[in-house]
Amino acid sequence: GIYAMGWYRQAPGKQRELVADITSGG
């Protein structure tokens, strides 16, 4: 049931942000 996986990052004092993601469809 996982349709996407990815990476987020959070620097000190900043909000978590998307770095990259990839869906099950590529």
mmCIF file of all heavy atoms, coordinates in Angstrom:
data_MODEL
# 
_entry.id   MODEL 
# 
loop_
_atom_site.group_PDB 
_atom_site.id 
_atom_site.type_symbol 
_atom_site.label_atom_id 
_atom_site.label_alt_id 
_atom_site.label_comp_id 
_atom_site.label_asym_id 
_atom_site.label_entity_id 
_atom_site.label_seq_id 
_atom_site.pdbx_PDB_ins_code 
_atom_site.Cartn_x 
_atom_site.Cartn_y 
_atom_site.Cartn_z 
_atom_site.occupancy 
_atom_site.B_iso_or_equiv 
_atom_site.pdbx_formal_charge 
_atom_site.auth_seq_id 
_atom_site.auth_comp_id 
_atom_site.auth_asym_id 
_atom_site.auth_atom_id 
_atom_site.pdbx_PDB_model_num 
ATOM 1   N N   . GLY A 1 1  ? 0.788  -1.225 0.000   1.00 0.00 ? 1  GLY A N   1 
ATOM 2   C CA  . GLY A 1 1  ? 0.000  0.000  0.000   1.00 0.00 ? 1  GLY A CA  1 
ATOM 3   C C   . GLY A 1 1  ? 0.823  1.278  0.000   1.00 0.00 ? 1  GLY A C   1 
ATOM 4   O O   . GLY A 1 1  ? 0.263  2.372  -0.130  1.00 0.00 ? 1  GLY A O   1 
ATOM 5   N N   . ILE A 1 2  ? 2.140  1.139  0.135   1.00 0.00 ? 2  ILE A N   1 
ATOM 6   C CA  . ILE A 1 2  ? 2.990  2.329  0.045   1.00 0.00 ? 2  ILE A CA  1 
ATOM 7   C C   . ILE A 1 2  ? 2.993  2.797  -1.400  1.00 0.00 ? 2  ILE A C   1 
ATOM 8   O O   . ILE A 1 2  ? 3.344  2.040  -2.294  1.00 0.00 ? 2  ILE A O   1 
ATOM 9   C CB  . ILE A 1 2  ? 4.415  2.041  0.513   1.00 0.00 ? 2  ILE A CB  1 
ATOM 10  C CG1 . ILE A 1 2  ? 4.446  1.722  2.007   1.00 0.00 ? 2  ILE A CG1 1 
ATOM 11  C CG2 . ILE A 1 2  ? 5.328  3.236  0.210   1.00 0.00 ? 2  ILE A CG2 1 
ATOM 12  C CD1 . ILE A 1 2  ? 5.809  1.315  2.523   1.00 0.00 ? 2  ILE A CD1 1 
ATOM 13  N N   . TYR A 1 3  ? 2.604  4.055  -1.641  1.00 0.00 ? 3  TYR A N   1 
ATOM 14  C CA  . TYR A 1 3  ? 2.572  4.553  -3.006  1.00 0.00 ? 3  TYR A CA  1 
ATOM 15  C C   . TYR A 1 3  ? 3.702  5.527  -3.309  1.00 0.00 ? 3  TYR A C   1 
ATOM 16  O O   . TYR A 1 3  ? 3.941  5.854  -4.458  1.00 0.00 ? 3  TYR A O   1 
ATOM 17  C CB  . TYR A 1 3  ? 1.228  5.187  -3.352  1.00 0.00 ? 3  TYR A CB  1 
ATOM 18  C CG  . TYR A 1 3  ? 0.955  6.512  -2.676  1.00 0.00 ? 3  TYR A CG  1 
ATOM 19  C CD1 . TYR A 1 3  ? 1.391  7.703  -3.235  1.00 0.00 ? 3  TYR A CD1 1 
ATOM 20  C CD2 . TYR A 1 3  ? 0.253  6.569  -1.489  1.00 0.00 ? 3  TYR A CD2 1 
ATOM 21  C CE1 . TYR A 1 3  ? 1.147  8.912  -2.634  1.00 0.00 ? 3  TYR A CE1 1 
ATOM 22  C CE2 . TYR A 1 3  ? -0.003 7.784  -0.870  1.00 0.00 ? 3  TYR A CE2 1 
ATOM 23  C CZ  . TYR A 1 3  ? 0.443  8.960  -1.454  1.00 0.00 ? 3  TYR A CZ  1 
ATOM 24  O OH  . TYR A 1 3  ? 0.196  10.144 -0.849  1.00 0.00 ? 3  TYR A OH  1 
ATOM 25  N N   . ALA A 1 4  ? 4.385  5.975  -2.276  1.00 0.00 ? 4  ALA A N   1 
ATOM 26  C CA  . ALA A 1 4  ? 5.515  6.879  -2.499  1.00 0.00 ? 4  ALA A CA  1 
ATOM 27  C C   . ALA A 1 4  ? 6.467  6.789  -1.313  1.00 0.00 ? 4  ALA A C   1 
ATOM 28  O O   . ALA A 1 4  ? 6.039  6.616  -0.170  1.00 0.00 ? 4  ALA A O   1 
ATOM 29  C CB  . ALA A 1 4  ? 5.058  8.317  -2.689  1.00 0.00 ? 4  ALA A CB  1 
ATOM 30  N N   . MET A 1 5  ? 7.738  6.935  -1.626  1.00 0.00 ? 5  MET A N   1 
ATOM 31  C CA  . MET A 1 5  ? 8.763  7.063  -0.586  1.00 0.00 ? 5  MET A CA  1 
ATOM 32  C C   . MET A 1 5  ? 9.648  8.233  -0.950  1.00 0.00 ? 5  MET A C   1 
ATOM 33  O O   . MET A 1 5  ? 9.803  8.578  -2.126  1.00 0.00 ? 5  MET A O   1 
ATOM 34  C CB  . MET A 1 5  ? 9.586  5.782  -0.465  1.00 0.00 ? 5  MET A CB  1 
ATOM 35  C CG  . MET A 1 5  ? 8.811  4.614  0.081   1.00 0.00 ? 5  MET A CG  1 
ATOM 36  S SD  . MET A 1 5  ? 9.838  3.152  0.360   1.00 0.00 ? 5  MET A SD  1 
ATOM 37  C CE  . MET A 1 5  ? 10.881 3.706  1.732   1.00 0.00 ? 5  MET A CE  1 
ATOM 38  N N   . GLY A 1 6  ? 10.235 8.825  0.083   1.00 0.00 ? 6  GLY A N   1 
ATOM 39  C CA  . GLY A 1 6  ? 11.065 9.981  -0.212  1.00 0.00 ? 6  GLY A CA  1 
ATOM 40  C C   . GLY A 1 6  ? 11.912 10.394 0.966   1.00 0.00 ? 6  GLY A C   1 
ATOM 41  O O   . GLY A 1 6  ? 11.986 9.698  1.986   1.00 0.00 ? 6  GLY A O   1 
ATOM 42  N N   . TRP A 1 7  ? 12.550 11.536 0.770   1.00 0.00 ? 7  TRP A N   1 
ATOM 43  C CA  . TRP A 1 7  ? 13.441 12.103 1.771   1.00 0.00 ? 7  TRP A CA  1 
ATOM 44  C C   . TRP A 1 7  ? 13.030 13.543 2.061   1.00 0.00 ? 7  TRP A C   1 
ATOM 45  O O   . TRP A 1 7  ? 12.779 14.321 1.142   1.00 0.00 ? 7  TRP A O   1 
ATOM 46  C CB  . TRP A 1 7  ? 14.886 12.076 1.273   1.00 0.00 ? 7  TRP A CB  1 
ATOM 47  C CG  . TRP A 1 7  ? 15.428 10.697 1.147   1.00 0.00 ? 7  TRP A CG  1 
ATOM 48  C CD1 . TRP A 1 7  ? 15.423 9.906  0.034   1.00 0.00 ? 7  TRP A CD1 1 
ATOM 49  C CD2 . TRP A 1 7  ? 16.064 9.929  2.171   1.00 0.00 ? 7  TRP A CD2 1 
ATOM 50  N NE1 . TRP A 1 7  ? 16.000 8.702  0.307   1.00 0.00 ? 7  TRP A NE1 1 
ATOM 51  C CE2 . TRP A 1 7  ? 16.420 8.687  1.612   1.00 0.00 ? 7  TRP A CE2 1 
ATOM 52  C CE3 . TRP A 1 7  ? 16.383 10.171 3.513   1.00 0.00 ? 7  TRP A CE3 1 
ATOM 53  C CZ2 . TRP A 1 7  ? 17.062 7.691  2.347   1.00 0.00 ? 7  TRP A CZ2 1 
ATOM 54  C CZ3 . TRP A 1 7  ? 17.027 9.187  4.230   1.00 0.00 ? 7  TRP A CZ3 1 
ATOM 55  C CH2 . TRP A 1 7  ? 17.358 7.964  3.653   1.00 0.00 ? 7  TRP A CH2 1 
ATOM 56  N N   . TYR A 1 8  ? 12.996 13.862 3.323   1.00 0.00 ? 8  TYR A N   1 
ATOM 57  C CA  . TYR A 1 8  ? 12.794 15.215 3.805   1.00 0.00 ? 8  TYR A CA  1 
ATOM 58  C C   . TYR A 1 8  ? 14.011 15.595 4.651   1.00 0.00 ? 8  TYR A C   1 
ATOM 59  O O   . TYR A 1 8  ? 14.768 14.724 5.079   1.00 0.00 ? 8  TYR A O   1 
ATOM 60  C CB  . TYR A 1 8  ? 11.524 15.313 4.661   1.00 0.00 ? 8  TYR A CB  1 
ATOM 61  C CG  . TYR A 1 8  ? 10.235 15.230 3.890   1.00 0.00 ? 8  TYR A CG  1 
ATOM 62  C CD1 . TYR A 1 8  ? 9.844  14.059 3.252   1.00 0.00 ? 8  TYR A CD1 1 
ATOM 63  C CD2 . TYR A 1 8  ? 9.398  16.338 3.785   1.00 0.00 ? 8  TYR A CD2 1 
ATOM 64  C CE1 . TYR A 1 8  ? 8.655  13.990 2.548   1.00 0.00 ? 8  TYR A CE1 1 
ATOM 65  C CE2 . TYR A 1 8  ? 8.195  16.285 3.089   1.00 0.00 ? 8  TYR A CE2 1 
ATOM 66  C CZ  . TYR A 1 8  ? 7.831  15.099 2.475   1.00 0.00 ? 8  TYR A CZ  1 
ATOM 67  O OH  . TYR A 1 8  ? 6.648  15.040 1.781   1.00 0.00 ? 8  TYR A OH  1 
ATOM 68  N N   . ARG A 1 9  ? 14.174 16.880 4.889   1.00 0.00 ? 9  ARG A N   1 
ATOM 69  C CA  . ARG A 1 9  ? 15.261 17.315 5.767   1.00 0.00 ? 9  ARG A CA  1 
ATOM 70  C C   . ARG A 1 9  ? 14.798 18.477 6.632   1.00 0.00 ? 9  ARG A C   1 
ATOM 71  O O   . ARG A 1 9  ? 13.895 19.234 6.256   1.00 0.00 ? 9  ARG A O   1 
ATOM 72  C CB  . ARG A 1 9  ? 16.504 17.701 4.970   1.00 0.00 ? 9  ARG A CB  1 
ATOM 73  C CG  . ARG A 1 9  ? 16.342 18.931 4.104   1.00 0.00 ? 9  ARG A CG  1 
ATOM 74  C CD  . ARG A 1 9  ? 17.597 19.136 3.243   1.00 0.00 ? 9  ARG A CD  1 
ATOM 75  N NE  . ARG A 1 9  ? 17.492 20.321 2.402   1.00 0.00 ? 9  ARG A NE  1 
ATOM 76  C CZ  . ARG A 1 9  ? 18.377 20.639 1.459   1.00 0.00 ? 9  ARG A CZ  1 
ATOM 77  N NH1 . ARG A 1 9  ? 19.443 19.850 1.237   1.00 0.00 ? 9  ARG A NH1 1 
ATOM 78  N NH2 . ARG A 1 9  ? 18.223 21.743 0.744   1.00 0.00 ? 9  ARG A NH2 1 
ATOM 79  N N   . GLN A 1 10 ? 15.452 18.594 7.773   1.00 0.00 ? 10 GLN A N   1 
ATOM 80  C CA  . GLN A 1 10 ? 15.143 19.683 8.678   1.00 0.00 ? 10 GLN A CA  1 
ATOM 81  C C   . GLN A 1 10 ? 16.436 20.228 9.255   1.00 0.00 ? 10 GLN A C   1 
ATOM 82  O O   . GLN A 1 10 ? 17.169 19.508 9.951   1.00 0.00 ? 10 GLN A O   1 
ATOM 83  C CB  . GLN A 1 10 ? 14.211 19.220 9.800   1.00 0.00 ? 10 GLN A CB  1 
ATOM 84  C CG  . GLN A 1 10 ? 13.701 20.349 10.668  1.00 0.00 ? 10 GLN A CG  1 
ATOM 85  C CD  . GLN A 1 10 ? 12.537 19.919 11.552  1.00 0.00 ? 10 GLN A CD  1 
ATOM 86  O OE1 . GLN A 1 10 ? 12.300 18.737 11.774  1.00 0.00 ? 10 GLN A OE1 1 
ATOM 87  N NE2 . GLN A 1 10 ? 11.786 20.892 12.051  1.00 0.00 ? 10 GLN A NE2 1 
ATOM 88  N N   . ALA A 1 11 ? 16.702 21.481 8.951   1.00 0.00 ? 11 ALA A N   1 
ATOM 89  C CA  . ALA A 1 11 ? 17.863 22.174 9.495   1.00 0.00 ? 11 ALA A CA  1 
ATOM 90  C C   . ALA A 1 11 ? 17.466 22.875 10.788  1.00 0.00 ? 11 ALA A C   1 
ATOM 91  O O   . ALA A 1 11 ? 16.282 23.169 11.004  1.00 0.00 ? 11 ALA A O   1 
ATOM 92  C CB  . ALA A 1 11 ? 18.388 23.182 8.480   1.00 0.00 ? 11 ALA A CB  1 
ATOM 93  N N   . PRO A 1 12 ? 18.414 23.180 11.651  1.00 0.00 ? 12 PRO A N   1 
ATOM 94  C CA  . PRO A 1 12 ? 18.094 23.846 12.917  1.00 0.00 ? 12 PRO A CA  1 
ATOM 95  C C   . PRO A 1 12 ? 17.349 25.155 12.689  1.00 0.00 ? 12 PRO A C   1 
ATOM 96  O O   . PRO A 1 12 ? 17.756 25.985 11.869  1.00 0.00 ? 12 PRO A O   1 
ATOM 97  C CB  . PRO A 1 12 ? 19.473 24.103 13.532  1.00 0.00 ? 12 PRO A CB  1 
ATOM 98  C CG  . PRO A 1 12 ? 20.333 23.038 12.967  1.00 0.00 ? 12 PRO A CG  1 
ATOM 99  C CD  . PRO A 1 12 ? 19.841 22.837 11.559  1.00 0.00 ? 12 PRO A CD  1 
ATOM 100 N N   . GLY A 1 13 ? 16.227 25.305 13.385  1.00 0.00 ? 13 GLY A N   1 
ATOM 101 C CA  . GLY A 1 13 ? 15.448 26.528 13.296  1.00 0.00 ? 13 GLY A CA  1 
ATOM 102 C C   . GLY A 1 13 ? 14.596 26.650 12.054  1.00 0.00 ? 13 GLY A C   1 
ATOM 103 O O   . GLY A 1 13 ? 13.978 27.692 11.827  1.00 0.00 ? 13 GLY A O   1 
ATOM 104 N N   . LYS A 1 14 ? 14.573 25.601 11.243  1.00 0.00 ? 14 LYS A N   1 
ATOM 105 C CA  . LYS A 1 14 ? 13.786 25.637 10.003  1.00 0.00 ? 14 LYS A CA  1 
ATOM 106 C C   . LYS A 1 14 ? 12.748 24.534 9.988   1.00 0.00 ? 14 LYS A C   1 
ATOM 107 O O   . LYS A 1 14 ? 12.839 23.561 10.732  1.00 0.00 ? 14 LYS A O   1 
ATOM 108 C CB  . LYS A 1 14 ? 14.705 25.525 8.789   1.00 0.00 ? 14 LYS A CB  1 
ATOM 109 C CG  . LYS A 1 14 ? 15.651 26.694 8.612   1.00 0.00 ? 14 LYS A CG  1 
ATOM 110 C CD  . LYS A 1 14 ? 16.388 26.600 7.292   1.00 0.00 ? 14 LYS A CD  1 
ATOM 111 C CE  . LYS A 1 14 ? 17.273 27.819 7.070   1.00 0.00 ? 14 LYS A CE  1 
ATOM 112 N NZ  . LYS A 1 14 ? 17.983 27.747 5.757   1.00 0.00 ? 14 LYS A NZ  1 
ATOM 113 N N   . GLN A 1 15 ? 11.768 24.691 9.097   1.00 0.00 ? 15 GLN A N   1 
ATOM 114 C CA  . GLN A 1 15 ? 10.741 23.674 8.948   1.00 0.00 ? 15 GLN A CA  1 
ATOM 115 C C   . GLN A 1 15 ? 11.269 22.497 8.131   1.00 0.00 ? 15 GLN A C   1 
ATOM 116 O O   . GLN A 1 15 ? 12.180 22.644 7.312   1.00 0.00 ? 15 GLN A O   1 
ATOM 117 C CB  . GLN A 1 15 ? 9.507  24.270 8.262   1.00 0.00 ? 15 GLN A CB  1 
ATOM 118 C CG  . GLN A 1 15 ? 8.736  25.257 9.123   1.00 0.00 ? 15 GLN A CG  1 
ATOM 119 C CD  . GLN A 1 15 ? 7.419  25.658 8.493   1.00 0.00 ? 15 GLN A CD  1 
ATOM 120 O OE1 . GLN A 1 15 ? 7.275  25.659 7.276   1.00 0.00 ? 15 GLN A OE1 1 
ATOM 121 N NE2 . GLN A 1 15 ? 6.445  25.995 9.320   1.00 0.00 ? 15 GLN A NE2 1 
ATOM 122 N N   . ARG A 1 16 ? 10.664 21.354 8.367   1.00 0.00 ? 16 ARG A N   1 
ATOM 123 C CA  . ARG A 1 16 ? 11.009 20.178 7.570   1.00 0.00 ? 16 ARG A CA  1 
ATOM 124 C C   . ARG A 1 16 ? 10.553 20.415 6.137   1.00 0.00 ? 16 ARG A C   1 
ATOM 125 O O   . ARG A 1 16 ? 9.439  20.906 5.893   1.00 0.00 ? 16 ARG A O   1 
ATOM 126 C CB  . ARG A 1 16 ? 10.344 18.929 8.149   1.00 0.00 ? 16 ARG A CB  1 
ATOM 127 C CG  . ARG A 1 16 ? 10.837 17.634 7.573   1.00 0.00 ? 16 ARG A CG  1 
ATOM 128 C CD  . ARG A 1 16 ? 10.268 16.442 8.319   1.00 0.00 ? 16 ARG A CD  1 
ATOM 129 N NE  . ARG A 1 16 ? 10.704 16.405 9.711   1.00 0.00 ? 16 ARG A NE  1 
ATOM 130 C CZ  . ARG A 1 16 ? 10.485 15.384 10.534  1.00 0.00 ? 16 ARG A CZ  1 
ATOM 131 N NH1 . ARG A 1 16 ? 9.836  14.307 10.101  1.00 0.00 ? 16 ARG A NH1 1 
ATOM 132 N NH2 . ARG A 1 16 ? 10.901 15.423 11.780  1.00 0.00 ? 16 ARG A NH2 1 
ATOM 133 N N   . GLU A 1 17 ? 11.408 20.048 5.177   1.00 0.00 ? 17 GLU A N   1 
ATOM 134 C CA  . GLU A 1 17 ? 11.091 20.281 3.777   1.00 0.00 ? 17 GLU A CA  1 
ATOM 135 C C   . GLU A 1 17 ? 11.363 19.037 2.945   1.00 0.00 ? 17 GLU A C   1 
ATOM 136 O O   . GLU A 1 17 ? 12.234 18.223 3.271   1.00 0.00 ? 17 GLU A O   1 
ATOM 137 C CB  . GLU A 1 17 ? 11.932 21.448 3.229   1.00 0.00 ? 17 GLU A CB  1 
ATOM 138 C CG  . GLU A 1 17 ? 13.419 21.207 3.252   1.00 0.00 ? 17 GLU A CG  1 
ATOM 139 C CD  . GLU A 1 17 ? 14.225 22.341 2.625   1.00 0.00 ? 17 GLU A CD  1 
ATOM 140 O OE1 . GLU A 1 17 ? 13.650 23.348 2.204   1.00 0.00 ? 17 GLU A OE1 1 
ATOM 141 O OE2 . GLU A 1 17 ? 15.467 22.202 2.561   1.00 0.00 ? 17 GLU A OE2 1 
ATOM 142 N N   . LEU A 1 18 ? 10.615 18.934 1.858   1.00 0.00 ? 18 LEU A N   1 
ATOM 143 C CA  . LEU A 1 18 ? 10.818 17.826 0.934   1.00 0.00 ? 18 LEU A CA  1 
ATOM 144 C C   . LEU A 1 18 ? 12.143 18.012 0.203   1.00 0.00 ? 18 LEU A C   1 
ATOM 145 O O   . LEU A 1 18 ? 12.453 19.101 -0.282  1.00 0.00 ? 18 LEU A O   1 
ATOM 146 C CB  . LEU A 1 18 ? 9.685  17.773 -0.082  1.00 0.00 ? 18 LEU A CB  1 
ATOM 147 C CG  . LEU A 1 18 ? 9.846  16.761 -1.216  1.00 0.00 ? 18 LEU A CG  1 
ATOM 148 C CD1 . LEU A 1 18 ? 9.728  15.337 -0.688  1.00 0.00 ? 18 LEU A CD1 1 
ATOM 149 C CD2 . LEU A 1 18 ? 8.822  17.006 -2.320  1.00 0.00 ? 18 LEU A CD2 1 
ATOM 150 N N   . VAL A 1 19 ? 12.903 16.920 0.108   1.00 0.00 ? 19 VAL A N   1 
ATOM 151 C CA  . VAL A 1 19 ? 14.116 16.910 -0.705  1.00 0.00 ? 19 VAL A CA  1 
ATOM 152 C C   . VAL A 1 19 ? 13.826 16.233 -2.043  1.00 0.00 ? 19 VAL A C   1 
ATOM 153 O O   . VAL A 1 19 ? 14.081 16.786 -3.107  1.00 0.00 ? 19 VAL A O   1 
ATOM 154 C CB  . VAL A 1 19 ? 15.258 16.177 0.021   1.00 0.00 ? 19 VAL A CB  1 
ATOM 155 C CG1 . VAL A 1 19 ? 16.491 16.101 -0.871  1.00 0.00 ? 19 VAL A CG1 1 
ATOM 156 C CG2 . VAL A 1 19 ? 15.583 16.863 1.343   1.00 0.00 ? 19 VAL A CG2 1 
ATOM 157 N N   . ALA A 1 20 ? 13.272 15.018 -1.975  1.00 0.00 ? 20 ALA A N   1 
ATOM 158 C CA  . ALA A 1 20 ? 12.948 14.277 -3.181  1.00 0.00 ? 20 ALA A CA  1 
ATOM 159 C C   . ALA A 1 20 ? 12.019 13.142 -2.813  1.00 0.00 ? 20 ALA A C   1 
ATOM 160 O O   . ALA A 1 20 ? 12.087 12.616 -1.694  1.00 0.00 ? 20 ALA A O   1 
ATOM 161 C CB  . ALA A 1 20 ? 14.204 13.714 -3.849  1.00 0.00 ? 20 ALA A CB  1 
ATOM 162 N N   . ASP A 1 21 ? 11.151 12.773 -3.756  1.00 0.00 ? 21 ASP A N   1 
ATOM 163 C CA  . ASP A 1 21 ? 10.352 11.580 -3.545  1.00 0.00 ? 21 ASP A CA  1 
ATOM 164 C C   . ASP A 1 21 ? 10.141 10.841 -4.852  1.00 0.00 ? 21 ASP A C   1 
ATOM 165 O O   . ASP A 1 21 ? 10.369 11.387 -5.940  1.00 0.00 ? 21 ASP A O   1 
ATOM 166 C CB  . ASP A 1 21 ? 9.029  11.873 -2.823  1.00 0.00 ? 21 ASP A CB  1 
ATOM 167 C CG  . ASP A 1 21 ? 8.108  12.799 -3.583  1.00 0.00 ? 21 ASP A CG  1 
ATOM 168 O OD1 . ASP A 1 21 ? 8.332  13.028 -4.793  1.00 0.00 ? 21 ASP A OD1 1 
ATOM 169 O OD2 . ASP A 1 21 ? 7.157  13.304 -2.969  1.00 0.00 ? 21 ASP A OD2 1 
ATOM 170 N N   . ILE A 1 22 ? 9.734  9.575  -4.728  1.00 0.00 ? 22 ILE A N   1 
ATOM 171 C CA  . ILE A 1 22 ? 9.534  8.713  -5.890  1.00 0.00 ? 22 ILE A CA  1 
ATOM 172 C C   . ILE A 1 22 ? 8.302  7.867  -5.640  1.00 0.00 ? 22 ILE A C   1 
ATOM 173 O O   . ILE A 1 22 ? 8.129  7.288  -4.560  1.00 0.00 ? 22 ILE A O   1 
ATOM 174 C CB  . ILE A 1 22 ? 10.788 7.847  -6.162  1.00 0.00 ? 22 ILE A CB  1 
ATOM 175 C CG1 . ILE A 1 22 ? 10.598 6.980  -7.399  1.00 0.00 ? 22 ILE A CG1 1 
ATOM 176 C CG2 . ILE A 1 22 ? 11.177 7.006  -4.945  1.00 0.00 ? 22 ILE A CG2 1 
ATOM 177 C CD1 . ILE A 1 22 ? 11.898 6.330  -7.897  1.00 0.00 ? 22 ILE A CD1 1 
ATOM 178 N N   . THR A 1 23 ? 7.414  7.824  -6.630  1.00 0.00 ? 23 THR A N   1 
ATOM 179 C CA  . THR A 1 23 ? 6.188  7.061  -6.470  1.00 0.00 ? 23 THR A CA  1 
ATOM 180 C C   . THR A 1 23 ? 6.380  5.628  -6.927  1.00 0.00 ? 23 THR A C   1 
ATOM 181 O O   . THR A 1 23 ? 7.371  5.280  -7.574  1.00 0.00 ? 23 THR A O   1 
ATOM 182 C CB  . THR A 1 23 ? 5.044  7.693  -7.268  1.00 0.00 ? 23 THR A CB  1 
ATOM 183 O OG1 . THR A 1 23 ? 5.303  7.513  -8.667  1.00 0.00 ? 23 THR A OG1 1 
ATOM 184 C CG2 . THR A 1 23 ? 4.898  9.176  -6.959  1.00 0.00 ? 23 THR A CG2 1 
ATOM 185 N N   . SER A 1 24 ? 5.393  4.804  -6.621  1.00 0.00 ? 24 SER A N   1 
ATOM 186 C CA  . SER A 1 24 ? 5.453  3.407  -7.060  1.00 0.00 ? 24 SER A CA  1 
ATOM 187 C C   . SER A 1 24 ? 5.420  3.310  -8.580  1.00 0.00 ? 24 SER A C   1 
ATOM 188 O O   . SER A 1 24 ? 5.891  2.319  -9.142  1.00 0.00 ? 24 SER A O   1 
ATOM 189 C CB  . SER A 1 24 ? 4.296  2.622  -6.458  1.00 0.00 ? 24 SER A CB  1 
ATOM 190 O OG  . SER A 1 24 ? 3.056  3.229  -6.781  1.00 0.00 ? 24 SER A OG  1 
ATOM 191 N N   . GLY A 1 25 ? 4.903  4.331  -9.228  1.00 0.00 ? 25 GLY A N   1 
ATOM 192 C CA  . GLY A 1 25 ? 4.893  4.355  -10.684 1.00 0.00 ? 25 GLY A CA  1 
ATOM 193 C C   . GLY A 1 25 ? 6.168  4.905  -11.289 1.00 0.00 ? 25 GLY A C   1 
ATOM 194 O O   . GLY A 1 25 ? 6.310  4.934  -12.515 1.00 0.00 ? 25 GLY A O   1 
ATOM 195 N N   . GLY A 1 26 ? 7.081  5.354  -10.434 1.00 0.00 ? 26 GLY A N   1 
ATOM 196 C CA  . GLY A 1 26 ? 8.371  5.835  -10.921 1.00 0.00 ? 26 GLY A CA  1 
ATOM 197 C C   . GLY A 1 26 ? 8.463  7.335  -11.114 1.00 0.00 ? 26 GLY A C   1 
ATOM 198 O O   . GLY A 1 26 ? 9.500  7.841  -11.554 1.00 0.00 ? 26 GLY A O   1 
# 
